[in-house]
Amino acid sequence: MTKPLATIQAAVEDSKTDHQRLTGLKERALFLGTEVGEVQKEVLKLLGNYGPEKASTAKEHLAKEICDLIWNALDLANMTGIELDEPMRVMLAINKTRHWIKPADNELPKVVIPIERPLDRIRDGVDFGD
């Protein structure tokens, strides 16, 4: 069975500099939060909220910020000893059962989550092709 996230997690660990290895769990979680904000800012640029000149480069910057966010999330998993392949399988299966309701103007999105979700079906429901 292949473990695609384990491979990426190992690459994140291998890419850490000596300075990054000194970062503690609290700091890594805070860095992860800042990356979420940077992703949000690039989305606003992409939508034109910062003018057309910023929108033209936003997609390239957004890709880099998403990678920074993923790197920090995977490093957080590494620091806590969590291998993410199985939890990802479970969450992908759970997300297939969720039904998103498009919000009306000025409303937050809503999600309907079925109450019955046998864990065995969820765990077996996602095929990574392994």
N, C-alpha and C. Protein backbone atom coordinates (compact mmCIF):
# COMPACT_ATOMS: atom_id res chain seq x y z
N MET A 1 0.85 -1.17 0.00
CA MET A 1 0.00 0.00 0.00
C MET A 1 0.90 1.24 0.00
N THR A 2 0.66 2.13 -0.96
CA THR A 2 1.44 3.36 -1.00
C THR A 2 0.90 4.35 0.02
N LYS A 3 1.77 5.22 0.45
CA LYS A 3 1.40 6.23 1.43
C LYS A 3 1.86 7.58 0.91
N PRO A 4 1.05 8.21 0.06
CA PRO A 4 1.48 9.46 -0.57
C PRO A 4 1.75 10.59 0.41
N LEU A 5 0.95 10.72 1.45
CA LEU A 5 1.20 11.79 2.41
C LEU A 5 2.44 11.52 3.25
N ALA A 6 2.70 10.26 3.56
CA ALA A 6 3.91 9.93 4.31
C ALA A 6 5.15 10.34 3.52
N THR A 7 5.10 10.16 2.22
CA THR A 7 6.22 10.56 1.36
C THR A 7 6.42 12.07 1.41
N ILE A 8 5.33 12.81 1.34
CA ILE A 8 5.42 14.28 1.39
C ILE A 8 5.84 14.74 2.79
N GLN A 9 5.31 14.07 3.82
CA GLN A 9 5.73 14.42 5.19
C GLN A 9 7.22 14.22 5.36
N ALA A 10 7.77 13.16 4.80
CA ALA A 10 9.21 12.92 4.90
C ALA A 10 9.98 14.01 4.14
N ALA A 11 9.46 14.43 3.00
CA ALA A 11 10.12 15.49 2.23
C ALA A 11 10.11 16.81 3.01
N VAL A 12 9.03 17.10 3.72
CA VAL A 12 8.96 18.31 4.55
C VAL A 12 10.03 18.22 5.64
N GLU A 13 10.12 17.08 6.29
CA GLU A 13 11.12 16.91 7.36
C GLU A 13 12.53 17.09 6.81
N ASP A 14 12.79 16.53 5.64
CA ASP A 14 14.12 16.63 5.03
C ASP A 14 14.45 18.06 4.60
N SER A 15 13.42 18.87 4.32
CA SER A 15 13.66 20.23 3.82
C SER A 15 13.88 21.25 4.93
N LYS A 16 13.69 20.85 6.18
CA LYS A 16 13.80 21.80 7.29
C LYS A 16 15.24 22.27 7.48
N THR A 17 15.37 23.57 7.69
CA THR A 17 16.68 24.13 7.99
C THR A 17 16.96 23.96 9.49
N ASP A 18 18.19 24.20 9.89
CA ASP A 18 18.54 24.12 11.31
C ASP A 18 17.67 25.08 12.13
N HIS A 19 17.44 26.28 11.59
CA HIS A 19 16.62 27.27 12.28
C HIS A 19 15.18 26.76 12.44
N GLN A 20 14.63 26.15 11.38
CA GLN A 20 13.26 25.64 11.45
C GLN A 20 13.15 24.48 12.45
N ARG A 21 14.22 23.75 12.64
CA ARG A 21 14.20 22.64 13.60
C ARG A 21 14.11 23.13 15.04
N LEU A 22 14.43 24.39 15.28
CA LEU A 22 14.33 24.97 16.62
C LEU A 22 12.92 25.45 16.94
N THR A 23 12.07 25.50 15.92
CA THR A 23 10.70 25.97 16.12
C THR A 23 9.91 24.96 16.93
N GLY A 24 9.22 25.45 17.96
CA GLY A 24 8.41 24.59 18.80
C GLY A 24 7.01 24.41 18.25
N LEU A 25 6.26 23.56 18.90
CA LEU A 25 4.90 23.24 18.47
C LEU A 25 4.00 24.47 18.45
N LYS A 26 4.08 25.29 19.49
CA LYS A 26 3.25 26.50 19.57
C LYS A 26 3.58 27.44 18.41
N GLU A 27 4.86 27.64 18.15
CA GLU A 27 5.26 28.53 17.07
C GLU A 27 4.81 27.99 15.72
N ARG A 28 4.93 26.67 15.52
CA ARG A 28 4.52 26.09 14.24
C ARG A 28 3.03 26.28 14.03
N ALA A 29 2.23 26.11 15.09
CA ALA A 29 0.79 26.32 14.98
C ALA A 29 0.49 27.77 14.63
N LEU A 30 1.23 28.70 15.22
CA LEU A 30 1.03 30.11 14.91
C LEU A 30 1.44 30.42 13.46
N PHE A 31 2.55 29.83 13.01
CA PHE A 31 2.95 30.02 11.62
C PHE A 31 1.88 29.49 10.67
N LEU A 32 1.29 28.36 11.02
CA LEU A 32 0.22 27.79 10.20
C LEU A 32 -0.94 28.79 10.09
N GLY A 33 -1.29 29.42 11.22
CA GLY A 33 -2.35 30.42 11.21
C GLY A 33 -2.03 31.61 10.32
N THR A 34 -0.77 32.05 10.34
CA THR A 34 -0.41 33.19 9.49
C THR A 34 -0.50 32.81 8.02
N GLU A 35 -0.19 31.57 7.71
CA GLU A 35 -0.29 31.13 6.31
C GLU A 35 -1.74 31.12 5.83
N VAL A 36 -2.67 30.78 6.71
CA VAL A 36 -4.09 30.84 6.34
C VAL A 36 -4.45 32.27 5.95
N GLY A 37 -3.99 33.23 6.74
CA GLY A 37 -4.25 34.63 6.42
C GLY A 37 -3.63 35.06 5.11
N GLU A 38 -2.44 34.56 4.81
CA GLU A 38 -1.79 34.90 3.54
C GLU A 38 -2.54 34.30 2.36
N VAL A 39 -3.06 33.09 2.52
CA VAL A 39 -3.89 32.49 1.47
C VAL A 39 -5.14 33.34 1.25
N GLN A 40 -5.77 33.77 2.34
CA GLN A 40 -6.97 34.59 2.23
C GLN A 40 -6.68 35.90 1.50
N LYS A 41 -5.55 36.51 1.81
CA LYS A 41 -5.19 37.77 1.15
C LYS A 41 -4.99 37.57 -0.35
N GLU A 42 -4.35 36.48 -0.73
CA GLU A 42 -4.14 36.22 -2.16
C GLU A 42 -5.47 35.94 -2.88
N VAL A 43 -6.41 35.30 -2.19
CA VAL A 43 -7.74 35.09 -2.79
C VAL A 43 -8.41 36.43 -3.02
N LEU A 44 -8.31 37.34 -2.05
CA LEU A 44 -8.88 38.68 -2.23
C LEU A 44 -8.23 39.39 -3.41
N LYS A 45 -6.93 39.24 -3.56
CA LYS A 45 -6.25 39.83 -4.72
C LYS A 45 -6.76 39.21 -6.01
N LEU A 46 -6.92 37.90 -6.02
CA LEU A 46 -7.42 37.20 -7.20
C LEU A 46 -8.81 37.70 -7.58
N LEU A 47 -9.61 38.03 -6.58
CA LEU A 47 -10.96 38.53 -6.83
C LEU A 47 -10.98 40.01 -7.21
N GLY A 48 -9.82 40.64 -7.23
CA GLY A 48 -9.73 42.03 -7.65
C GLY A 48 -9.87 43.05 -6.54
N ASN A 49 -9.90 42.63 -5.30
CA ASN A 49 -10.08 43.56 -4.19
C ASN A 49 -8.89 44.50 -3.99
N TYR A 50 -7.75 44.19 -4.59
CA TYR A 50 -6.57 45.04 -4.46
C TYR A 50 -6.21 45.70 -5.79
N GLY A 51 -7.13 45.65 -6.75
CA GLY A 51 -6.91 46.27 -8.05
C GLY A 51 -6.45 45.25 -9.09
N PRO A 52 -6.59 45.61 -10.36
CA PRO A 52 -6.28 44.67 -11.45
C PRO A 52 -4.80 44.29 -11.53
N GLU A 53 -3.90 45.21 -11.13
CA GLU A 53 -2.47 44.88 -11.21
C GLU A 53 -2.10 43.78 -10.23
N LYS A 54 -2.74 43.73 -9.06
CA LYS A 54 -2.47 42.66 -8.09
C LYS A 54 -3.15 41.36 -8.52
N ALA A 55 -4.31 41.46 -9.16
CA ALA A 55 -5.05 40.27 -9.58
C ALA A 55 -4.26 39.48 -10.63
N SER A 56 -3.45 40.17 -11.43
CA SER A 56 -2.73 39.48 -12.50
C SER A 56 -1.65 38.53 -11.98
N THR A 57 -1.12 38.79 -10.79
CA THR A 57 -0.08 37.92 -10.23
C THR A 57 -0.58 37.08 -9.06
N ALA A 58 -1.84 37.24 -8.72
CA ALA A 58 -2.37 36.58 -7.52
C ALA A 58 -2.36 35.06 -7.61
N LYS A 59 -2.64 34.51 -8.78
CA LYS A 59 -2.71 33.05 -8.90
C LYS A 59 -1.35 32.42 -8.59
N GLU A 60 -0.30 33.00 -9.11
CA GLU A 60 1.05 32.49 -8.84
C GLU A 60 1.39 32.61 -7.35
N HIS A 61 1.06 33.75 -6.76
CA HIS A 61 1.33 33.94 -5.34
C HIS A 61 0.45 33.03 -4.48
N LEU A 62 -0.80 32.85 -4.90
CA LEU A 62 -1.71 31.97 -4.16
C LEU A 62 -1.17 30.55 -4.12
N ALA A 63 -0.65 30.06 -5.24
CA ALA A 63 -0.08 28.71 -5.28
C ALA A 63 1.05 28.57 -4.26
N LYS A 64 1.91 29.58 -4.18
CA LYS A 64 3.03 29.53 -3.23
C LYS A 64 2.53 29.57 -1.79
N GLU A 65 1.53 30.39 -1.53
CA GLU A 65 1.00 30.48 -0.16
C GLU A 65 0.29 29.19 0.25
N ILE A 66 -0.40 28.56 -0.69
CA ILE A 66 -1.03 27.26 -0.38
C ILE A 66 0.05 26.24 -0.04
N CYS A 67 1.15 26.26 -0.79
CA CYS A 67 2.25 25.34 -0.48
C CYS A 67 2.85 25.63 0.89
N ASP A 68 2.99 26.91 1.24
CA ASP A 68 3.48 27.26 2.59
C ASP A 68 2.52 26.74 3.66
N LEU A 69 1.23 26.88 3.42
CA LEU A 69 0.23 26.40 4.37
C LEU A 69 0.34 24.89 4.55
N ILE A 70 0.44 24.17 3.43
CA ILE A 70 0.55 22.71 3.48
C ILE A 70 1.85 22.30 4.19
N TRP A 71 2.94 22.98 3.87
CA TRP A 71 4.23 22.67 4.51
C TRP A 71 4.11 22.79 6.02
N ASN A 72 3.52 23.90 6.48
CA ASN A 72 3.37 24.11 7.93
C ASN A 72 2.45 23.08 8.56
N ALA A 73 1.37 22.71 7.87
CA ALA A 73 0.45 21.69 8.40
C ALA A 73 1.15 20.34 8.50
N LEU A 74 1.92 19.98 7.47
CA LEU A 74 2.62 18.70 7.50
C LEU A 74 3.73 18.71 8.55
N ASP A 75 4.40 19.84 8.73
CA ASP A 75 5.42 19.92 9.77
C ASP A 75 4.78 19.79 11.15
N LEU A 76 3.61 20.38 11.34
CA LEU A 76 2.89 20.23 12.60
C LEU A 76 2.56 18.76 12.85
N ALA A 77 2.11 18.07 11.82
CA ALA A 77 1.83 16.63 11.95
C ALA A 77 3.11 15.88 12.31
N ASN A 78 4.20 16.20 11.63
CA ASN A 78 5.48 15.54 11.93
C ASN A 78 5.90 15.78 13.37
N MET A 79 5.76 17.02 13.82
CA MET A 79 6.20 17.37 15.18
C MET A 79 5.40 16.63 16.25
N THR A 80 4.16 16.27 15.93
CA THR A 80 3.30 15.57 16.90
C THR A 80 3.26 14.07 16.66
N GLY A 81 4.04 13.59 15.68
CA GLY A 81 4.10 12.16 15.41
C GLY A 81 2.86 11.60 14.73
N ILE A 82 2.16 12.42 13.99
CA ILE A 82 0.94 11.97 13.32
C ILE A 82 1.24 11.67 11.85
N GLU A 83 0.95 10.45 11.44
CA GLU A 83 1.01 10.09 10.03
C GLU A 83 -0.38 10.34 9.45
N LEU A 84 -0.46 11.07 8.37
CA LEU A 84 -1.75 11.57 7.90
C LEU A 84 -2.46 10.72 6.85
N ASP A 85 -1.85 9.67 6.34
CA ASP A 85 -2.51 8.91 5.27
C ASP A 85 -3.87 8.34 5.68
N GLU A 86 -3.94 7.63 6.78
CA GLU A 86 -5.22 7.04 7.20
C GLU A 86 -6.24 8.10 7.59
N PRO A 87 -5.87 9.10 8.40
CA PRO A 87 -6.85 10.15 8.68
C PRO A 87 -7.37 10.85 7.41
N MET A 88 -6.50 11.00 6.41
CA MET A 88 -6.95 11.63 5.16
C MET A 88 -7.96 10.74 4.44
N ARG A 89 -7.71 9.44 4.42
CA ARG A 89 -8.68 8.52 3.82
C ARG A 89 -10.05 8.66 4.49
N VAL A 90 -10.04 8.69 5.82
CA VAL A 90 -11.29 8.79 6.58
C VAL A 90 -11.98 10.12 6.28
N MET A 91 -11.22 11.22 6.31
CA MET A 91 -11.84 12.53 6.09
C MET A 91 -12.35 12.71 4.66
N LEU A 92 -11.65 12.14 3.68
CA LEU A 92 -12.15 12.21 2.30
C LEU A 92 -13.47 11.48 2.18
N ALA A 93 -13.58 10.34 2.84
CA ALA A 93 -14.83 9.58 2.81
C ALA A 93 -15.94 10.34 3.54
N ILE A 94 -15.63 10.92 4.68
CA ILE A 94 -16.63 11.70 5.41
C ILE A 94 -17.10 12.88 4.57
N ASN A 95 -16.16 13.56 3.92
CA ASN A 95 -16.53 14.72 3.12
C ASN A 95 -17.44 14.35 1.95
N LYS A 96 -17.33 13.12 1.46
CA LYS A 96 -18.23 12.67 0.40
C LYS A 96 -19.67 12.57 0.88
N THR A 97 -19.87 12.44 2.20
CA THR A 97 -21.22 12.30 2.74
C THR A 97 -21.83 13.64 3.12
N ARG A 98 -21.06 14.69 3.09
CA ARG A 98 -21.56 16.01 3.49
C ARG A 98 -22.27 16.67 2.32
N HIS A 99 -23.31 17.40 2.63
CA HIS A 99 -24.07 18.11 1.60
C HIS A 99 -24.04 19.60 1.92
N TRP A 100 -23.36 20.35 1.06
CA TRP A 100 -23.23 21.79 1.29
C TRP A 100 -24.46 22.50 0.73
N ILE A 101 -24.95 23.44 1.49
CA ILE A 101 -26.10 24.24 1.07
C ILE A 101 -25.58 25.62 0.70
N LYS A 102 -25.88 26.03 -0.53
CA LYS A 102 -25.42 27.34 -0.98
C LYS A 102 -26.15 28.42 -0.18
N PRO A 103 -25.38 29.34 0.42
CA PRO A 103 -26.00 30.36 1.25
C PRO A 103 -26.66 31.46 0.42
N ALA A 104 -27.67 32.07 0.99
CA ALA A 104 -28.24 33.26 0.39
C ALA A 104 -27.27 34.41 0.64
N ASP A 105 -27.48 35.53 0.01
CA ASP A 105 -26.62 36.69 0.23
C ASP A 105 -26.55 37.00 1.72
N ASN A 106 -25.33 37.32 2.17
CA ASN A 106 -25.07 37.71 3.56
C ASN A 106 -25.29 36.59 4.57
N GLU A 107 -25.29 35.34 4.13
CA GLU A 107 -25.39 34.20 5.05
C GLU A 107 -24.12 33.38 4.96
N LEU A 108 -23.81 32.68 6.02
CA LEU A 108 -22.66 31.78 6.02
C LEU A 108 -23.05 30.46 5.37
N PRO A 109 -22.09 29.77 4.73
CA PRO A 109 -22.40 28.44 4.16
C PRO A 109 -22.82 27.48 5.25
N LYS A 110 -23.66 26.53 4.89
CA LYS A 110 -24.12 25.51 5.83
C LYS A 110 -23.79 24.14 5.26
N VAL A 111 -23.55 23.20 6.15
CA VAL A 111 -23.29 21.84 5.73
C VAL A 111 -24.22 20.92 6.51
N VAL A 112 -24.79 19.95 5.79
CA VAL A 112 -25.63 18.94 6.43
C VAL A 112 -24.80 17.66 6.49
N ILE A 113 -24.60 17.14 7.69
CA ILE A 113 -23.79 15.94 7.87
C ILE A 113 -24.72 14.82 8.31
N PRO A 114 -24.81 13.74 7.51
CA PRO A 114 -25.66 12.61 7.91
C PRO A 114 -25.25 12.06 9.27
N ILE A 115 -26.21 11.70 10.08
CA ILE A 115 -25.92 11.17 11.42
C ILE A 115 -25.32 9.78 11.34
N GLU A 116 -25.84 8.92 10.47
CA GLU A 116 -25.33 7.55 10.38
C GLU A 116 -24.18 7.50 9.39
N ARG A 117 -22.99 7.21 9.92
CA ARG A 117 -21.80 7.07 9.09
C ARG A 117 -20.97 5.95 9.67
N PRO A 118 -21.30 4.71 9.36
CA PRO A 118 -20.49 3.61 9.91
C PRO A 118 -19.02 3.80 9.55
N LEU A 119 -18.16 3.79 10.56
CA LEU A 119 -16.75 4.06 10.37
C LEU A 119 -16.11 3.08 9.40
N ASP A 120 -16.54 1.81 9.42
CA ASP A 120 -15.95 0.85 8.48
C ASP A 120 -16.21 1.27 7.04
N ARG A 121 -17.43 1.71 6.75
CA ARG A 121 -17.74 2.15 5.39
C ARG A 121 -16.93 3.38 5.03
N ILE A 122 -16.74 4.28 5.99
CA ILE A 122 -15.97 5.49 5.73
C ILE A 122 -14.52 5.12 5.44
N ARG A 123 -13.93 4.28 6.26
CA ARG A 123 -12.53 3.89 6.05
C ARG A 123 -12.33 3.16 4.74
N ASP A 124 -13.29 2.35 4.34
CA ASP A 124 -13.14 1.58 3.11
C ASP A 124 -13.62 2.34 1.89
N GLY A 125 -14.21 3.50 2.07
CA GLY A 125 -14.86 4.20 0.98
C GLY A 125 -13.97 5.01 0.06
N VAL A 126 -12.70 5.18 0.37
CA VAL A 126 -11.84 6.00 -0.44
C VAL A 126 -10.73 5.15 -1.04
N ASP A 127 -10.56 5.27 -2.34
CA ASP A 127 -9.53 4.48 -3.04
C ASP A 127 -8.43 5.42 -3.49
N PHE A 128 -7.22 5.24 -2.95
CA PHE A 128 -6.07 6.01 -3.38
C PHE A 128 -5.34 5.31 -4.54
N GLY A 129 -5.88 4.20 -5.01
CA GLY A 129 -5.25 3.47 -6.10
C GLY A 129 -4.07 2.64 -5.66
N ASP A 130 -4.02 2.26 -4.39
CA ASP A 130 -2.89 1.45 -3.93
C ASP A 130 -3.25 -0.01 -3.88
